[in-house]
Structure formats: C-alpha cells, structure tokens
Amino acid sequence: MKTDDEKAIAKLTSSGIKIPPQPQVLIELRKRLESDDFNVRALAKIIAKDPGLSAMLFKAVRSPVFGRSKKIESLE
C-alpha cells in the first residue's frame, strides 16, 4: 500500500513534473552527520566536492549577518 507521500509524488510525476535527484554531496553529508563520526575537516572535504555549495557557504559566512572580521579563506 502506498503512503500519502508516495501517492503525491506519483501524481506529480504523472502530470509531467520532474523531481531532480538529490546531489551526491548532500547524501554524503547526511550519512556523515548521521554517523556521529565527523569533524570539520571531514565535512569540509565533502562540501568542497560541490563548487556551488562551497560558493554559497562562503557568501553566507562573509555576510553582515555573521559579522566576521576575520577573513575566511578555506572551508575548514
């Protein structure tokens, strides 16, 4: 028996809407975070595989919201 979520997804896909696959980097990050065996270097190494995600992270950290006076030069 299908769950409500599965029915909703089936309805969307049958109407021509395409759901893009989840990026591999997010799958790797979720697995690492769920394992409770991670550190900043391990997470940075995974994030570095995706240039777009890395760029967004740098942009967020450099924003006035964080108010970082220290120049950030690496993901670590």
PDB file of N, CA and C in Angstrom:
ATOM      1  N   MET A   1       0.841  -1.179   0.000  1.00  0.00           N
ATOM      2  CA  MET A   1       0.000   0.000   0.000  1.00  0.00           C
ATOM      3  C   MET A   1       0.893   1.251   0.000  1.00  0.00           C
ATOM      4  N   LYS A   2       0.537   2.220  -0.815  1.00  0.00           N
ATOM      5  CA  LYS A   2       1.327   3.448  -0.921  1.00  0.00           C
ATOM      6  C   LYS A   2       0.972   4.420   0.193  1.00  0.00           C
ATOM      7  N   THR A   3       2.007   5.127   0.670  1.00  0.00           N
ATOM      8  CA  THR A   3       1.769   6.165   1.672  1.00  0.00           C
ATOM      9  C   THR A   3       1.256   7.407   0.971  1.00  0.00           C
ATOM     10  N   ASP A   4       0.779   8.367   1.739  1.00  0.00           N
ATOM     11  CA  ASP A   4       0.298   9.627   1.165  1.00  0.00           C
ATOM     12  C   ASP A   4       1.389  10.340   0.387  1.00  0.00           C
ATOM     13  N   ASP A   5       2.623  10.303   0.899  1.00  0.00           N
ATOM     14  CA  ASP A   5       3.748  10.943   0.206  1.00  0.00           C
ATOM     15  C   ASP A   5       4.001  10.278  -1.135  1.00  0.00           C
ATOM     16  N   GLU A   6       3.983   8.961  -1.144  1.00  0.00           N
ATOM     17  CA  GLU A   6       4.215   8.228  -2.390  1.00  0.00           C
ATOM     18  C   GLU A   6       3.121   8.521  -3.414  1.00  0.00           C
ATOM     19  N   LYS A   7       1.887   8.627  -2.946  1.00  0.00           N
ATOM     20  CA  LYS A   7       0.770   8.951  -3.840  1.00  0.00           C
ATOM     21  C   LYS A   7       0.934  10.362  -4.417  1.00  0.00           C
ATOM     22  N   ALA A   8       1.336  11.308  -3.573  1.00  0.00           N
ATOM     23  CA  ALA A   8       1.529  12.688  -4.023  1.00  0.00           C
ATOM     24  C   ALA A   8       2.649  12.772  -5.059  1.00  0.00           C
ATOM     25  N   ILE A   9       3.736  12.055  -4.829  1.00  0.00           N
ATOM     26  CA  ILE A   9       4.862  12.042  -5.780  1.00  0.00           C
ATOM     27  C   ILE A   9       4.436  11.404  -7.093  1.00  0.00           C
ATOM     28  N   ALA A  10       3.701  10.307  -7.018  1.00  0.00           N
ATOM     29  CA  ALA A  10       3.221   9.640  -8.231  1.00  0.00           C
ATOM     30  C   ALA A  10       2.312  10.568  -9.033  1.00  0.00           C
ATOM     31  N   LYS A  11       1.458  11.306  -8.354  1.00  0.00           N
ATOM     32  CA  LYS A  11       0.553  12.252  -9.023  1.00  0.00           C
ATOM     33  C   LYS A  11       1.348  13.355  -9.721  1.00  0.00           C
ATOM     34  N   LEU A  12       2.364  13.895  -9.029  1.00  0.00           N
ATOM     35  CA  LEU A  12       3.189  14.955  -9.623  1.00  0.00           C
ATOM     36  C   LEU A  12       3.954  14.452 -10.840  1.00  0.00           C
ATOM     37  N   THR A  13       4.572  13.294 -10.713  1.00  0.00           N
ATOM     38  CA  THR A  13       5.380  12.780 -11.827  1.00  0.00           C
ATOM     39  C   THR A  13       4.514  12.379 -13.013  1.00  0.00           C
ATOM     40  N   SER A  14       3.294  11.915 -12.761  1.00  0.00           N
ATOM     41  CA  SER A  14       2.406  11.542 -13.870  1.00  0.00           C
ATOM     42  C   SER A  14       1.896  12.771 -14.613  1.00  0.00           C
ATOM     43  N   SER A  15       1.943  13.928 -13.961  1.00  0.00           N
ATOM     44  CA  SER A  15       1.484  15.161 -14.623  1.00  0.00           C
ATOM     45  C   SER A  15       2.614  15.866 -15.364  1.00  0.00           C
ATOM     46  N   GLY A  16       3.784  15.248 -15.414  1.00  0.00           N
ATOM     47  CA  GLY A  16       4.882  15.815 -16.196  1.00  0.00           C
ATOM     48  C   GLY A  16       5.917  16.579 -15.389  1.00  0.00           C
ATOM     49  N   ILE A  17       5.717  16.712 -14.099  1.00  0.00           N
ATOM     50  CA  ILE A  17       6.686  17.422 -13.257  1.00  0.00           C
ATOM     51  C   ILE A  17       7.847  16.484 -12.961  1.00  0.00           C
ATOM     52  N   LYS A  18       9.045  16.971 -13.188  1.00  0.00           N
ATOM     53  CA  LYS A  18      10.251  16.186 -12.937  1.00  0.00           C
ATOM     54  C   LYS A  18      10.867  16.616 -11.608  1.00  0.00           C
ATOM     55  N   ILE A  19      11.173  15.652 -10.766  1.00  0.00           N
ATOM     56  CA  ILE A  19      11.828  15.926  -9.490  1.00  0.00           C
ATOM     57  C   ILE A  19      13.306  15.580  -9.660  1.00  0.00           C
ATOM     58  N   PRO A  20      14.199  16.589  -9.537  1.00  0.00           N
ATOM     59  CA  PRO A  20      15.625  16.300  -9.749  1.00  0.00           C
ATOM     60  C   PRO A  20      16.185  15.413  -8.645  1.00  0.00           C
ATOM     61  N   PRO A  21      17.197  14.635  -8.983  1.00  0.00           N
ATOM     62  CA  PRO A  21      17.808  13.783  -7.959  1.00  0.00           C
ATOM     63  C   PRO A  21      18.556  14.630  -6.929  1.00  0.00           C
ATOM     64  N   GLN A  22      18.668  14.105  -5.736  1.00  0.00           N
ATOM     65  CA  GLN A  22      19.397  14.807  -4.686  1.00  0.00           C
ATOM     66  C   GLN A  22      20.889  14.745  -5.011  1.00  0.00           C
ATOM     67  N   PRO A  23      21.575  15.891  -4.917  1.00  0.00           N
ATOM     68  CA  PRO A  23      23.014  15.891  -5.197  1.00  0.00           C
ATOM     69  C   PRO A  23      23.771  14.917  -4.290  1.00  0.00           C
ATOM     70  N   GLN A  24      24.752  14.260  -4.856  1.00  0.00           N
ATOM     71  CA  GLN A  24      25.538  13.262  -4.126  1.00  0.00           C
ATOM     72  C   GLN A  24      26.189  13.857  -2.879  1.00  0.00           C
ATOM     73  N   VAL A  25      26.614  15.110  -2.979  1.00  0.00           N
ATOM     74  CA  VAL A  25      27.281  15.737  -1.832  1.00  0.00           C
ATOM     75  C   VAL A  25      26.340  15.819  -0.629  1.00  0.00           C
ATOM     76  N   LEU A  26      25.056  16.060  -0.847  1.00  0.00           N
ATOM     77  CA  LEU A  26      24.109  16.116   0.265  1.00  0.00           C
ATOM     78  C   LEU A  26      23.872  14.736   0.861  1.00  0.00           C
ATOM     79  N   ILE A  27      23.878  13.728   0.013  1.00  0.00           N
ATOM     80  CA  ILE A  27      23.732  12.356   0.505  1.00  0.00           C
ATOM     81  C   ILE A  27      24.929  11.999   1.392  1.00  0.00           C
ATOM     82  N   GLU A  28      26.133  12.353   0.920  1.00  0.00           N
ATOM     83  CA  GLU A  28      27.349  12.075   1.703  1.00  0.00           C
ATOM     84  C   GLU A  28      27.346  12.842   3.024  1.00  0.00           C
ATOM     85  N   LEU A  29      26.937  14.109   2.983  1.00  0.00           N
ATOM     86  CA  LEU A  29      26.885  14.911   4.216  1.00  0.00           C
ATOM     87  C   LEU A  29      25.909  14.306   5.216  1.00  0.00           C
ATOM     88  N   ARG A  30      24.725  13.916   4.750  1.00  0.00           N
ATOM     89  CA  ARG A  30      23.730  13.341   5.651  1.00  0.00           C
ATOM     90  C   ARG A  30      24.258  12.068   6.289  1.00  0.00           C
ATOM     91  N   LYS A  31      24.883  11.200   5.493  1.00  0.00           N
ATOM     92  CA  LYS A  31      25.431   9.944   6.026  1.00  0.00           C
ATOM     93  C   LYS A  31      26.491  10.233   7.091  1.00  0.00           C
ATOM     94  N   ARG A  32      27.370  11.193   6.807  1.00  0.00           N
ATOM     95  CA  ARG A  32      28.447  11.508   7.750  1.00  0.00           C
ATOM     96  C   ARG A  32      27.874  12.091   9.040  1.00  0.00           C
ATOM     97  N   LEU A  33      26.901  12.990   8.917  1.00  0.00           N
ATOM     98  CA  LEU A  33      26.313  13.606  10.108  1.00  0.00           C
ATOM     99  C   LEU A  33      25.527  12.600  10.938  1.00  0.00           C
ATOM    100  N   GLU A  34      24.854  11.675  10.277  1.00  0.00           N
ATOM    101  CA  GLU A  34      24.093  10.657  10.997  1.00  0.00           C
ATOM    102  C   GLU A  34      24.997   9.643  11.687  1.00  0.00           C
ATOM    103  N   SER A  35      26.223   9.488  11.211  1.00  0.00           N
ATOM    104  CA  SER A  35      27.133   8.508  11.785  1.00  0.00           C
ATOM    105  C   SER A  35      27.737   8.980  13.113  1.00  0.00           C
ATOM    106  N   ASP A  36      27.623  10.266  13.398  1.00  0.00           N
ATOM    107  CA  ASP A  36      28.231  10.861  14.602  1.00  0.00           C
ATOM    108  C   ASP A  36      29.747  10.703  14.612  1.00  0.00           C
ATOM    109  N   ASP A  37      30.329  10.349  13.481  1.00  0.00           N
ATOM    110  CA  ASP A  37      31.768  10.207  13.347  1.00  0.00           C
ATOM    111  C   ASP A  37      32.248  11.234  12.322  1.00  0.00           C
ATOM    112  N   PHE A  38      32.243  12.497  12.738  1.00  0.00           N
ATOM    113  CA  PHE A  38      32.641  13.540  11.802  1.00  0.00           C
ATOM    114  C   PHE A  38      33.362  14.659  12.535  1.00  0.00           C
ATOM    115  N   ASN A  39      34.099  15.439  11.762  1.00  0.00           N
ATOM    116  CA  ASN A  39      34.742  16.629  12.282  1.00  0.00           C
ATOM    117  C   ASN A  39      34.702  17.684  11.177  1.00  0.00           C
ATOM    118  N   VAL A  40      35.176  18.863  11.450  1.00  0.00           N
ATOM    119  CA  VAL A  40      35.116  19.958  10.491  1.00  0.00           C
ATOM    120  C   VAL A  40      35.864  19.613   9.209  1.00  0.00           C
ATOM    121  N   ARG A  41      37.017  19.009   9.330  1.00  0.00           N
ATOM    122  CA  ARG A  41      37.794  18.666   8.129  1.00  0.00           C
ATOM    123  C   ARG A  41      37.055  17.674   7.240  1.00  0.00           C
ATOM    124  N   ALA A  42      36.438  16.678   7.844  1.00  0.00           N
ATOM    125  CA  ALA A  42      35.697  15.675   7.070  1.00  0.00           C
ATOM    126  C   ALA A  42      34.526  16.323   6.335  1.00  0.00           C
ATOM    127  N   LEU A  43      33.787  17.190   7.028  1.00  0.00           N
ATOM    128  CA  LEU A  43      32.653  17.869   6.400  1.00  0.00           C
ATOM    129  C   LEU A  43      33.125  18.819   5.304  1.00  0.00           C
ATOM    130  N   ALA A  44      34.211  19.545   5.550  1.00  0.00           N
ATOM    131  CA  ALA A  44      34.749  20.473   4.550  1.00  0.00           C
ATOM    132  C   ALA A  44      35.188  19.728   3.293  1.00  0.00           C
ATOM    133  N   LYS A  45      35.760  18.555   3.483  1.00  0.00           N
ATOM    134  CA  LYS A  45      36.217  17.757   2.343  1.00  0.00           C
ATOM    135  C   LYS A  45      35.033  17.339   1.461  1.00  0.00           C
ATOM    136  N   ILE A  46      33.932  16.998   2.084  1.00  0.00           N
ATOM    137  CA  ILE A  46      32.730  16.613   1.339  1.00  0.00           C
ATOM    138  C   ILE A  46      32.137  17.837   0.628  1.00  0.00           C
ATOM    139  N   ILE A  47      32.011  18.950   1.340  1.00  0.00           N
ATOM    140  CA  ILE A  47      31.433  20.168   0.767  1.00  0.00           C
ATOM    141  C   ILE A  47      32.276  20.672  -0.396  1.00  0.00           C
ATOM    142  N   ALA A  48      33.584  20.527  -0.304  1.00  0.00           N
ATOM    143  CA  ALA A  48      34.493  21.007  -1.351  1.00  0.00           C
ATOM    144  C   ALA A  48      34.257  20.316  -2.688  1.00  0.00           C
ATOM    145  N   LYS A  49      33.602  19.186  -2.681  1.00  0.00           N
ATOM    146  CA  LYS A  49      33.313  18.474  -3.929  1.00  0.00           C
ATOM    147  C   LYS A  49      32.283  19.213  -4.780  1.00  0.00           C
ATOM    148  N   ASP A  50      31.530  20.124  -4.174  1.00  0.00           N
ATOM    149  CA  ASP A  50      30.479  20.852  -4.888  1.00  0.00           C
ATOM    150  C   ASP A  50      30.821  22.342  -4.897  1.00  0.00           C
ATOM    151  N   PRO A  51      31.328  22.851  -6.026  1.00  0.00           N
ATOM    152  CA  PRO A  51      31.737  24.262  -6.090  1.00  0.00           C
ATOM    153  C   PRO A  51      30.598  25.238  -5.795  1.00  0.00           C
ATOM    154  N   GLY A  52      29.395  24.908  -6.227  1.00  0.00           N
ATOM    155  CA  GLY A  52      28.250  25.801  -5.980  1.00  0.00           C
ATOM    156  C   GLY A  52      27.922  25.897  -4.509  1.00  0.00           C
ATOM    157  N   LEU A  53      27.925  24.770  -3.831  1.00  0.00           N
ATOM    158  CA  LEU A  53      27.652  24.747  -2.392  1.00  0.00           C
ATOM    159  C   LEU A  53      28.755  25.473  -1.629  1.00  0.00           C
ATOM    160  N   SER A  54      29.998  25.264  -2.047  1.00  0.00           N
ATOM    161  CA  SER A  54      31.131  25.948  -1.410  1.00  0.00           C
ATOM    162  C   SER A  54      30.997  27.458  -1.551  1.00  0.00           C
ATOM    163  N   ALA A  55      30.644  27.911  -2.757  1.00  0.00           N
ATOM    164  CA  ALA A  55      30.496  29.350  -3.003  1.00  0.00           C
ATOM    165  C   ALA A  55      29.375  29.942  -2.152  1.00  0.00           C
ATOM    166  N   MET A  56      28.251  29.237  -2.049  1.00  0.00           N
ATOM    167  CA  MET A  56      27.143  29.739  -1.228  1.00  0.00           C
ATOM    168  C   MET A  56      27.537  29.805   0.247  1.00  0.00           C
ATOM    169  N   LEU A  57      28.307  28.844   0.705  1.00  0.00           N
ATOM    170  CA  LEU A  57      28.755  28.826   2.087  1.00  0.00           C
ATOM    171  C   LEU A  57      29.661  30.016   2.383  1.00  0.00           C
ATOM    172  N   PHE A  58      30.623  30.284   1.469  1.00  0.00           N
ATOM    173  CA  PHE A  58      31.500  31.445   1.642  1.00  0.00           C
ATOM    174  C   PHE A  58      30.687  32.737   1.640  1.00  0.00           C
ATOM    175  N   LYS A  59      29.722  32.836   0.748  1.00  0.00           N
ATOM    176  CA  LYS A  59      28.894  34.041   0.665  1.00  0.00           C
ATOM    177  C   LYS A  59      28.125  34.260   1.972  1.00  0.00           C
ATOM    178  N   ALA A  60      27.575  33.192   2.505  1.00  0.00           N
ATOM    179  CA  ALA A  60      26.823  33.297   3.758  1.00  0.00           C
ATOM    180  C   ALA A  60      27.721  33.716   4.917  1.00  0.00           C
ATOM    181  N   VAL A  61      28.896  33.124   5.006  1.00  0.00           N
ATOM    182  CA  VAL A  61      29.803  33.418   6.118  1.00  0.00           C
ATOM    183  C   VAL A  61      30.330  34.853   6.044  1.00  0.00           C
ATOM    184  N   ARG A  62      30.498  35.353   4.840  1.00  0.00           N
ATOM    185  CA  ARG A  62      31.010  36.713   4.665  1.00  0.00           C
ATOM    186  C   ARG A  62      29.915  37.775   4.782  1.00  0.00           C
ATOM    187  N   SER A  63      28.681  37.371   4.935  1.00  0.00           N
ATOM    188  CA  SER A  63      27.578  38.329   5.004  1.00  0.00           C
ATOM    189  C   SER A  63      27.601  39.078   6.345  1.00  0.00           C
ATOM    190  N   PRO A  64      26.965  40.244   6.382  1.00  0.00           N
ATOM    191  CA  PRO A  64      26.907  41.025   7.624  1.00  0.00           C
ATOM    192  C   PRO A  64      26.198  40.294   8.764  1.00  0.00           C
ATOM    193  N   VAL A  65      25.389  39.313   8.444  1.00  0.00           N
ATOM    194  CA  VAL A  65      24.672  38.562   9.476  1.00  0.00           C
ATOM    195  C   VAL A  65      25.644  37.915  10.451  1.00  0.00           C
ATOM    196  N   PHE A  66      26.731  37.379   9.923  1.00  0.00           N
ATOM    197  CA  PHE A  66      27.725  36.737  10.768  1.00  0.00           C
ATOM    198  C   PHE A  66      28.729  37.744  11.312  1.00  0.00           C
ATOM    199  N   GLY A  67      28.905  38.855  10.618  1.00  0.00           N
ATOM    200  CA  GLY A  67      29.792  39.911  11.088  1.00  0.00           C
ATOM    201  C   GLY A  67      31.211  39.453  11.354  1.00  0.00           C
ATOM    202  N   ARG A  68      31.720  38.598  10.519  1.00  0.00           N
ATOM    203  CA  ARG A  68      33.078  38.071  10.723  1.00  0.00           C
ATOM    204  C   ARG A  68      34.105  39.107  10.279  1.00  0.00           C
ATOM    205  N   SER A  69      34.938  39.526  11.176  1.00  0.00           N
ATOM    206  CA  SER A  69      36.012  40.456  10.817  1.00  0.00           C
ATOM    207  C   SER A  69      37.218  39.680  10.287  1.00  0.00           C
ATOM    208  N   LYS A  70      37.309  38.428  10.645  1.00  0.00           N
ATOM    209  CA  LYS A  70      38.401  37.576  10.182  1.00  0.00           C
ATOM    210  C   LYS A  70      38.105  37.110   8.766  1.00  0.00           C
ATOM    211  N   LYS A  71      39.093  37.194   7.885  1.00  0.00           N
ATOM    212  CA  LYS A  71      38.919  36.769   6.511  1.00  0.00           C
ATOM    213  C   LYS A  71      38.905  35.234   6.449  1.00  0.00           C
ATOM    214  N   ILE A  72      37.863  34.685   5.849  1.00  0.00           N
ATOM    215  CA  ILE A  72      37.727  33.245   5.704  1.00  0.00           C
ATOM    216  C   ILE A  72      38.317  32.835   4.357  1.00  0.00           C
ATOM    217  N   GLU A  73      39.268  31.924   4.382  1.00  0.00           N
ATOM    218  CA  GLU A  73      39.939  31.526   3.149  1.00  0.00           C
ATOM    219  C   GLU A  73      39.798  30.049   2.817  1.00  0.00           C
ATOM    220  N   SER A  74      39.271  29.256   3.737  1.00  0.00           N
ATOM    221  CA  SER A  74      39.107  27.832   3.450  1.00  0.00           C
ATOM    222  C   SER A  74      37.794  27.346   4.072  1.00  0.00           C
ATOM    223  N   LEU A  75      37.312  26.220   3.593  1.00  0.00           N
ATOM    224  CA  LEU A  75      36.089  25.657   4.136  1.00  0.00           C
ATOM    225  C   LEU A  75      36.286  25.190   5.574  1.00  0.00           C
ATOM    226  N   GLU A  76      37.469  24.741   5.897  1.00  0.00           N
ATOM    227  CA  GLU A  76      37.744  24.282   7.261  1.00  0.00           C
ATOM    228  C   GLU A  76      37.625  25.424   8.230  1.00  0.00           C
TER     229      GLU A  76
END
